[in-house]
Amino acid sequence: MHLPILYQDADYVAIDKPPGLLVHRTQLDAHATEFALQMLRDQIEQEVLPCHRLDRPTSGILLFALNHDALRFAQKQFAEKTTHKEYHAVVRGWAPDSGEIDYELRSEDNPTKSKSAQTRYTCVNRCQLELPVGRYPTARFSLLKLTPLTGRKHQLRRHMAHIRHPILGDTCHGDSAQNRFLREHFGVQRLLLRATKLEIHLPGGATRLSVEAPEACEFSQLVAGLDLKLSQSPPRP
């Protein structure tokens, strides 16, 4: 598999990670044989160091450093929340036009601890399909732009589930009836979440890098199949 490179210089390389690919080896799946880190290292023939996380089922922008100084510089920005990240997701129901979720998330590794977490969202589009789903006579979905203000594990998936608009295809925090509808009517068995934009300062501080994921991708095709568009004012609910 050839990983699409969205940006590369002497310090960083950003790729468009496909869904289902782990960033690196992990005990979560001892049987996996392909990893973005090793694949990219072999592809560009040099050491690569992941600057941040991206869940296995999530597609989109993933940034690697090409040296340890660049890694520390990027990680400091992520820790201080001076980066800007955007995602797009298809969720259940007709979501509000915009909002901010401020809801503490309990640690998945240590349930006795919780951390503050904030996510902003904007509704890009909504649709209604004349097909029954669960106990409802029609299926309603929204396409959202999500901006995480903190970086907690599974934050976007858990926050959207908290406001009763779970992301389609989420088998951990989602709606099983909606996920079954997606499989039966569209043949889709993946999480409809994509990292679409990343802004970060480059070493030296004067230049801010902005990387955007291409719209021509599987995610966009799935969104179009649900009668949604990535750039359109949403109809009023």
C-alpha atoms as a PDB file:
ATOM      1  CA  MET A   1       0.000   0.000   0.000  1.00  0.00           C
ATOM      2  CA  HIS A   2       1.305   3.442  -0.967  1.00  0.00           C
ATOM      3  CA  LEU A   3       0.477   6.129   1.606  1.00  0.00           C
ATOM      4  CA  PRO A   4      -0.590   9.470   0.050  1.00  0.00           C
ATOM      5  CA  ILE A   5       1.799  12.223   1.161  1.00  0.00           C
ATOM      6  CA  LEU A   6       0.101  15.594   1.655  1.00  0.00           C
ATOM      7  CA  TYR A   7       3.162  17.576   2.781  1.00  0.00           C
ATOM      8  CA  GLN A   8       6.882  16.992   3.271  1.00  0.00           C
ATOM      9  CA  ASP A   9       9.896  19.112   4.196  1.00  0.00           C
ATOM     10  CA  ALA A  10      13.121  18.541   6.134  1.00  0.00           C
ATOM     11  CA  ASP A  11      11.259  18.288   9.464  1.00  0.00           C
ATOM     12  CA  TYR A  12       7.780  16.861   8.838  1.00  0.00           C
ATOM     13  CA  VAL A  13       5.738  14.646   6.580  1.00  0.00           C
ATOM     14  CA  ALA A  14       1.938  14.512   6.622  1.00  0.00           C
ATOM     15  CA  ILE A  15      -0.006  11.613   5.140  1.00  0.00           C
ATOM     16  CA  ASP A  16      -3.637  10.832   4.383  1.00  0.00           C
ATOM     17  CA  LYS A  17      -4.099   7.772   6.592  1.00  0.00           C
ATOM     18  CA  PRO A  18      -6.658   5.276   5.284  1.00  0.00           C
ATOM     19  CA  PRO A  19      -9.299   3.930   7.672  1.00  0.00           C
ATOM     20  CA  GLY A  20      -8.457   0.692   9.441  1.00  0.00           C
ATOM     21  CA  LEU A  21      -4.696   1.297   9.573  1.00  0.00           C
ATOM     22  CA  LEU A  22      -2.968   1.426  12.951  1.00  0.00           C
ATOM     23  CA  VAL A  23      -0.420   4.211  13.477  1.00  0.00           C
ATOM     24  CA  HIS A  24       2.113   1.834  15.067  1.00  0.00           C
ATOM     25  CA  ARG A  25       2.376  -1.584  16.688  1.00  0.00           C
ATOM     26  CA  THR A  26       0.150  -2.016  19.714  1.00  0.00           C
ATOM     27  CA  GLN A  27      -1.088  -4.734  22.035  1.00  0.00           C
ATOM     28  CA  LEU A  28      -4.653  -3.750  21.071  1.00  0.00           C
ATOM     29  CA  ASP A  29      -4.248  -5.909  17.950  1.00  0.00           C
ATOM     30  CA  ALA A  30      -1.436  -8.403  18.123  1.00  0.00           C
ATOM     31  CA  HIS A  31      -2.445  -9.872  14.748  1.00  0.00           C
ATOM     32  CA  ALA A  32      -2.124  -6.654  12.696  1.00  0.00           C
ATOM     33  CA  THR A  33       0.682  -6.716  10.144  1.00  0.00           C
ATOM     34  CA  GLU A  34       0.546  -3.233   8.612  1.00  0.00           C
ATOM     35  CA  PHE A  35       1.244   0.035  10.415  1.00  0.00           C
ATOM     36  CA  ALA A  36       1.461   3.602   9.141  1.00  0.00           C
ATOM     37  CA  LEU A  37       4.785   4.267  10.868  1.00  0.00           C
ATOM     38  CA  GLN A  38       6.625   1.299   9.367  1.00  0.00           C
ATOM     39  CA  MET A  39       4.972   1.716   5.957  1.00  0.00           C
ATOM     40  CA  LEU A  40       5.901   5.397   5.718  1.00  0.00           C
ATOM     41  CA  ARG A  41       9.430   4.726   6.978  1.00  0.00           C
ATOM     42  CA  ASP A  42       9.956   2.176   4.207  1.00  0.00           C
ATOM     43  CA  GLN A  43       8.255   4.412   1.645  1.00  0.00           C
ATOM     44  CA  ILE A  44      10.465   7.477   2.186  1.00  0.00           C
ATOM     45  CA  GLU A  45      13.450   5.467   3.458  1.00  0.00           C
ATOM     46  CA  GLN A  46      14.079   7.385   6.674  1.00  0.00           C
ATOM     47  CA  GLU A  47      13.043   7.412  10.311  1.00  0.00           C
ATOM     48  CA  VAL A  48       9.574   8.836  11.046  1.00  0.00           C
ATOM     49  CA  LEU A  49       8.161   9.760  14.468  1.00  0.00           C
ATOM     50  CA  PRO A  50       4.407  10.205  15.052  1.00  0.00           C
ATOM     51  CA  CYS A  51       3.524  13.679  16.408  1.00  0.00           C
ATOM     52  CA  HIS A  52      -0.037  12.845  17.521  1.00  0.00           C
ATOM     53  CA  ARG A  53      -2.643  10.095  17.590  1.00  0.00           C
ATOM     54  CA  LEU A  54      -5.318   9.112  15.117  1.00  0.00           C
ATOM     55  CA  ASP A  55      -7.674   6.254  15.955  1.00  0.00           C
ATOM     56  CA  ARG A  56      -7.444   3.167  13.776  1.00  0.00           C
ATOM     57  CA  PRO A  57     -10.916   3.570  12.161  1.00  0.00           C
ATOM     58  CA  THR A  58     -10.414   7.316  11.535  1.00  0.00           C
ATOM     59  CA  SER A  59      -9.014   8.439   8.191  1.00  0.00           C
ATOM     60  CA  GLY A  60      -7.230  11.658   7.304  1.00  0.00           C
ATOM     61  CA  ILE A  61      -4.265  13.823   8.206  1.00  0.00           C
ATOM     62  CA  LEU A  62      -1.529  12.232  10.297  1.00  0.00           C
ATOM     63  CA  LEU A  63       1.693  14.168  10.970  1.00  0.00           C
ATOM     64  CA  PHE A  64       5.134  12.611  11.489  1.00  0.00           C
ATOM     65  CA  ALA A  65       8.396  14.304  12.451  1.00  0.00           C
ATOM     66  CA  LEU A  66      11.599  13.432  10.643  1.00  0.00           C
ATOM     67  CA  ASN A  67      13.901  14.210  13.575  1.00  0.00           C
ATOM     68  CA  HIS A  68      13.640  14.392  17.353  1.00  0.00           C
ATOM     69  CA  ASP A  69      13.922  18.197  17.556  1.00  0.00           C
ATOM     70  CA  ALA A  70      10.961  18.584  15.196  1.00  0.00           C
ATOM     71  CA  LEU A  71       9.034  15.988  17.229  1.00  0.00           C
ATOM     72  CA  ARG A  72       9.553  17.904  20.483  1.00  0.00           C
ATOM     73  CA  PHE A  73       8.584  21.179  18.779  1.00  0.00           C
ATOM     74  CA  ALA A  74       5.312  19.690  17.474  1.00  0.00           C
ATOM     75  CA  GLN A  75       4.421  17.843  20.673  1.00  0.00           C
ATOM     76  CA  LYS A  76       4.876  21.035  22.690  1.00  0.00           C
ATOM     77  CA  GLN A  77       2.278  22.731  20.472  1.00  0.00           C
ATOM     78  CA  PHE A  78      -0.169  19.854  20.852  1.00  0.00           C
ATOM     79  CA  ALA A  79       0.329  19.928  24.631  1.00  0.00           C
ATOM     80  CA  GLU A  80      -0.162  23.714  24.787  1.00  0.00           C
ATOM     81  CA  LYS A  81      -3.184  23.535  22.440  1.00  0.00           C
ATOM     82  CA  THR A  82      -1.734  25.978  19.896  1.00  0.00           C
ATOM     83  CA  THR A  83      -2.424  23.649  16.976  1.00  0.00           C
ATOM     84  CA  HIS A  84      -5.744  23.666  15.117  1.00  0.00           C
ATOM     85  CA  LYS A  85      -7.437  20.425  14.063  1.00  0.00           C
ATOM     86  CA  GLU A  86     -10.661  19.887  12.164  1.00  0.00           C
ATOM     87  CA  TYR A  87     -12.603  16.712  11.472  1.00  0.00           C
ATOM     88  CA  HIS A  88     -15.753  15.893   9.512  1.00  0.00           C
ATOM     89  CA  ALA A  89     -18.228  13.292  10.722  1.00  0.00           C
ATOM     90  CA  VAL A  90     -21.646  11.938   9.788  1.00  0.00           C
ATOM     91  CA  VAL A  91     -23.859  11.638  12.856  1.00  0.00           C
ATOM     92  CA  ARG A  92     -27.323  10.355  13.708  1.00  0.00           C
ATOM     93  CA  GLY A  93     -30.213  12.806  13.559  1.00  0.00           C
ATOM     94  CA  TRP A  94     -30.424  16.491  12.745  1.00  0.00           C
ATOM     95  CA  ALA A  95     -27.837  18.236  14.884  1.00  0.00           C
ATOM     96  CA  PRO A  96     -28.086  21.940  15.880  1.00  0.00           C
ATOM     97  CA  ASP A  97     -26.429  24.510  13.620  1.00  0.00           C
ATOM     98  CA  SER A  98     -23.484  24.864  16.003  1.00  0.00           C
ATOM     99  CA  GLY A  99     -22.456  24.390  19.594  1.00  0.00           C
ATOM    100  CA  GLU A 100     -19.696  23.609  22.058  1.00  0.00           C
ATOM    101  CA  ILE A 101     -19.571  20.473  24.182  1.00  0.00           C
ATOM    102  CA  ASP A 102     -17.877  20.898  27.565  1.00  0.00           C
ATOM    103  CA  TYR A 103     -18.084  17.482  29.183  1.00  0.00           C
ATOM    104  CA  GLU A 104     -15.505  15.692  31.300  1.00  0.00           C
ATOM    105  CA  LEU A 105     -14.419  12.305  30.017  1.00  0.00           C
ATOM    106  CA  ARG A 106     -13.550   9.455  32.319  1.00  0.00           C
ATOM    107  CA  SER A 107     -10.210   7.858  31.495  1.00  0.00           C
ATOM    108  CA  GLU A 108     -10.705   4.628  29.549  1.00  0.00           C
ATOM    109  CA  ASP A 109      -7.470   3.304  31.062  1.00  0.00           C
ATOM    110  CA  ASN A 110      -8.195   4.427  34.641  1.00  0.00           C
ATOM    111  CA  PRO A 111     -11.966   4.813  35.273  1.00  0.00           C
ATOM    112  CA  THR A 112     -11.336   6.535  38.612  1.00  0.00           C
ATOM    113  CA  LYS A 113      -9.950   9.615  36.843  1.00  0.00           C
ATOM    114  CA  SER A 114     -11.696  12.175  34.615  1.00  0.00           C
ATOM    115  CA  LYS A 115     -10.314  15.021  32.524  1.00  0.00           C
ATOM    116  CA  SER A 116     -11.962  18.139  31.120  1.00  0.00           C
ATOM    117  CA  ALA A 117     -12.741  17.978  27.396  1.00  0.00           C
ATOM    118  CA  GLN A 118     -14.200  20.491  24.956  1.00  0.00           C
ATOM    119  CA  THR A 119     -15.342  20.140  21.344  1.00  0.00           C
ATOM    120  CA  ARG A 120     -16.863  22.723  19.009  1.00  0.00           C
ATOM    121  CA  TYR A 121     -19.088  21.662  16.147  1.00  0.00           C
ATOM    122  CA  THR A 122     -20.790  23.214  13.131  1.00  0.00           C
ATOM    123  CA  CYS A 123     -23.467  21.558  11.019  1.00  0.00           C
ATOM    124  CA  VAL A 124     -22.414  21.503   7.360  1.00  0.00           C
ATOM    125  CA  ASN A 125     -25.457  19.708   5.966  1.00  0.00           C
ATOM    126  CA  ARG A 126     -28.449  17.549   6.880  1.00  0.00           C
ATOM    127  CA  CYS A 127     -30.431  14.913   5.034  1.00  0.00           C
ATOM    128  CA  GLN A 128     -33.511  12.762   5.425  1.00  0.00           C
ATOM    129  CA  LEU A 129     -33.862   9.419   3.673  1.00  0.00           C
ATOM    130  CA  GLU A 130     -37.272   7.826   3.206  1.00  0.00           C
ATOM    131  CA  LEU A 131     -36.085   4.573   4.715  1.00  0.00           C
ATOM    132  CA  PRO A 132     -37.011   3.209   8.153  1.00  0.00           C
ATOM    133  CA  VAL A 133     -34.302   2.828  10.749  1.00  0.00           C
ATOM    134  CA  GLY A 134     -34.943   1.320  14.177  1.00  0.00           C
ATOM    135  CA  ARG A 135     -38.277   2.659  15.484  1.00  0.00           C
ATOM    136  CA  TYR A 136     -38.245   5.669  13.147  1.00  0.00           C
ATOM    137  CA  PRO A 137     -40.029   5.783   9.742  1.00  0.00           C
ATOM    138  CA  THR A 138     -37.206   7.822   8.142  1.00  0.00           C
ATOM    139  CA  ALA A 139     -33.457   8.116   8.537  1.00  0.00           C
ATOM    140  CA  ARG A 140     -31.965  11.508   9.435  1.00  0.00           C
ATOM    141  CA  PHE A 141     -28.286  12.340   9.368  1.00  0.00           C
ATOM    142  CA  SER A 142     -26.074  15.407   9.773  1.00  0.00           C
ATOM    143  CA  LEU A 143     -22.615  16.154   8.437  1.00  0.00           C
ATOM    144  CA  LEU A 144     -20.628  18.034  11.078  1.00  0.00           C
ATOM    145  CA  LYS A 145     -17.322  19.867  11.200  1.00  0.00           C
ATOM    146  CA  LEU A 146     -15.735  19.064  14.561  1.00  0.00           C
ATOM    147  CA  THR A 147     -12.966  21.050  16.248  1.00  0.00           C
ATOM    148  CA  PRO A 148     -11.495  19.391  19.349  1.00  0.00           C
ATOM    149  CA  LEU A 149     -10.193  21.968  21.842  1.00  0.00           C
ATOM    150  CA  THR A 150      -8.610  19.222  23.941  1.00  0.00           C
ATOM    151  CA  GLY A 151      -7.088  15.891  22.959  1.00  0.00           C
ATOM    152  CA  ARG A 152      -8.680  13.128  25.015  1.00  0.00           C
ATOM    153  CA  LYS A 153      -8.886   9.506  23.907  1.00  0.00           C
ATOM    154  CA  HIS A 154     -11.894   8.921  21.640  1.00  0.00           C
ATOM    155  CA  GLN A 155     -13.015  12.471  22.506  1.00  0.00           C
ATOM    156  CA  LEU A 156     -15.038  13.189  19.366  1.00  0.00           C
ATOM    157  CA  ARG A 157     -16.782   9.829  19.399  1.00  0.00           C
ATOM    158  CA  ARG A 158     -17.651  10.088  23.092  1.00  0.00           C
ATOM    159  CA  HIS A 159     -18.739  13.728  22.924  1.00  0.00           C
ATOM    160  CA  MET A 160     -21.069  13.138  19.981  1.00  0.00           C
ATOM    161  CA  ALA A 161     -22.586  10.141  21.764  1.00  0.00           C
ATOM    162  CA  HIS A 162     -23.056  12.332  24.850  1.00  0.00           C
ATOM    163  CA  ILE A 163     -25.265  14.817  22.941  1.00  0.00           C
ATOM    164  CA  ARG A 164     -27.259  11.966  21.356  1.00  0.00           C
ATOM    165  CA  HIS A 165     -25.751  12.402  17.893  1.00  0.00           C
ATOM    166  CA  PRO A 166     -23.339   9.440  17.715  1.00  0.00           C
ATOM    167  CA  ILE A 167     -21.038   9.097  14.738  1.00  0.00           C
ATOM    168  CA  LEU A 168     -22.202   6.534  12.197  1.00  0.00           C
ATOM    169  CA  GLY A 169     -20.169   3.344  12.148  1.00  0.00           C
ATOM    170  CA  ASP A 170     -18.941   3.760  15.730  1.00  0.00           C
ATOM    171  CA  THR A 171     -19.132   0.274  17.203  1.00  0.00           C
ATOM    172  CA  CYS A 172     -17.934   1.383  20.670  1.00  0.00           C
ATOM    173  CA  HIS A 173     -19.987   4.512  21.392  1.00  0.00           C
ATOM    174  CA  GLY A 174     -22.507   4.536  18.544  1.00  0.00           C
ATOM    175  CA  ASP A 175     -26.042   3.381  17.726  1.00  0.00           C
ATOM    176  CA  SER A 176     -26.280  -0.280  16.695  1.00  0.00           C
ATOM    177  CA  ALA A 177     -29.522   0.267  14.740  1.00  0.00           C
ATOM    178  CA  GLN A 178     -27.950   3.090  12.726  1.00  0.00           C
ATOM    179  CA  ASN A 179     -24.807   1.059  12.117  1.00  0.00           C
ATOM    180  CA  ARG A 180     -26.916  -1.893  10.911  1.00  0.00           C
ATOM    181  CA  PHE A 181     -28.849   0.487   8.607  1.00  0.00           C
ATOM    182  CA  LEU A 182     -25.554   1.717   7.175  1.00  0.00           C
ATOM    183  CA  ARG A 183     -24.379  -1.835   6.485  1.00  0.00           C
ATOM    184  CA  GLU A 184     -27.656  -3.081   4.997  1.00  0.00           C
ATOM    185  CA  HIS A 185     -28.461  -0.107   2.740  1.00  0.00           C
ATOM    186  CA  PHE A 186     -25.004   1.219   1.826  1.00  0.00           C
ATOM    187  CA  GLY A 187     -22.622  -1.674   2.480  1.00  0.00           C
ATOM    188  CA  VAL A 188     -20.586   0.548   4.811  1.00  0.00           C
ATOM    189  CA  GLN A 189     -18.859  -0.983   7.822  1.00  0.00           C
ATOM    190  CA  ARG A 190     -16.535   1.834   8.865  1.00  0.00           C
ATOM    191  CA  LEU A 191     -16.494   4.862  11.118  1.00  0.00           C
ATOM    192  CA  LEU A 192     -17.602   8.002   9.263  1.00  0.00           C
ATOM    193  CA  LEU A 193     -14.986  10.279  10.821  1.00  0.00           C
ATOM    194  CA  ARG A 194     -12.165  11.981   8.914  1.00  0.00           C
ATOM    195  CA  ALA A 195      -9.368  14.331  10.007  1.00  0.00           C
ATOM    196  CA  THR A 196      -9.610  17.051   7.363  1.00  0.00           C
ATOM    197  CA  LYS A 197      -7.377  19.947   8.485  1.00  0.00           C
ATOM    198  CA  LEU A 198      -4.273  20.517  10.616  1.00  0.00           C
ATOM    199  CA  GLU A 199      -2.499  23.788  11.371  1.00  0.00           C
ATOM    200  CA  ILE A 200       0.800  23.867  13.225  1.00  0.00           C
ATOM    201  CA  HIS A 201       3.816  26.197  13.464  1.00  0.00           C
ATOM    202  CA  LEU A 202       7.003  25.088  11.761  1.00  0.00           C
ATOM    203  CA  PRO A 203      10.350  25.329  13.568  1.00  0.00           C
ATOM    204  CA  GLY A 204      11.509  28.939  13.683  1.00  0.00           C
ATOM    205  CA  GLY A 205       8.016  30.142  14.601  1.00  0.00           C
ATOM    206  CA  ALA A 206       7.452  32.448  11.635  1.00  0.00           C
ATOM    207  CA  THR A 207       5.611  30.006   9.362  1.00  0.00           C
ATOM    208  CA  ARG A 208       2.365  28.232  10.184  1.00  0.00           C
ATOM    209  CA  LEU A 209       1.712  25.100   8.177  1.00  0.00           C
ATOM    210  CA  SER A 210      -1.844  24.356   7.078  1.00  0.00           C
ATOM    211  CA  VAL A 211      -2.573  20.900   5.652  1.00  0.00           C
ATOM    212  CA  GLU A 212      -5.966  19.903   4.251  1.00  0.00           C
ATOM    213  CA  ALA A 213      -7.056  16.399   3.339  1.00  0.00           C
ATOM    214  CA  PRO A 214      -8.309  15.953  -0.239  1.00  0.00           C
ATOM    215  CA  GLU A 215     -12.070  15.772  -0.752  1.00  0.00           C
ATOM    216  CA  ALA A 216     -11.688  13.117  -3.439  1.00  0.00           C
ATOM    217  CA  CYS A 217     -11.698  10.102  -1.128  1.00  0.00           C
ATOM    218  CA  GLU A 218     -13.810   7.184   0.082  1.00  0.00           C
ATOM    219  CA  PHE A 219     -15.270   9.294   2.910  1.00  0.00           C
ATOM    220  CA  SER A 220     -16.601  11.887   0.440  1.00  0.00           C
ATOM    221  CA  GLN A 221     -18.122   9.151  -1.704  1.00  0.00           C
ATOM    222  CA  LEU A 222     -19.919   7.730   1.332  1.00  0.00           C
ATOM    223  CA  VAL A 223     -21.120  11.194   2.337  1.00  0.00           C
ATOM    224  CA  ALA A 224     -22.467  11.775  -1.181  1.00  0.00           C
ATOM    225  CA  GLY A 225     -24.191   8.382  -1.068  1.00  0.00           C
ATOM    226  CA  LEU A 226     -26.114   9.579   1.982  1.00  0.00           C
ATOM    227  CA  ASP A 227     -27.302  12.620  -0.003  1.00  0.00           C
ATOM    228  CA  LEU A 228     -24.980  14.941   1.927  1.00  0.00           C
ATOM    229  CA  LYS A 229     -22.390  17.383   0.564  1.00  0.00           C
ATOM    230  CA  LEU A 230     -19.180  18.624   2.133  1.00  0.00           C
ATOM    231  CA  SER A 231     -19.846  22.281   1.252  1.00  0.00           C
ATOM    232  CA  GLN A 232     -23.434  23.403   1.499  1.00  0.00           C
ATOM    233  CA  SER A 233     -25.557  25.380   3.947  1.00  0.00           C
ATOM    234  CA  PRO A 234     -27.659  22.911   5.955  1.00  0.00           C
ATOM    235  CA  PRO A 235     -31.443  22.964   5.615  1.00  0.00           C
ATOM    236  CA  ARG A 236     -33.265  24.138   8.701  1.00  0.00           C
ATOM    237  CA  PRO A 237     -34.454  21.309  10.969  1.00  0.00           C
END
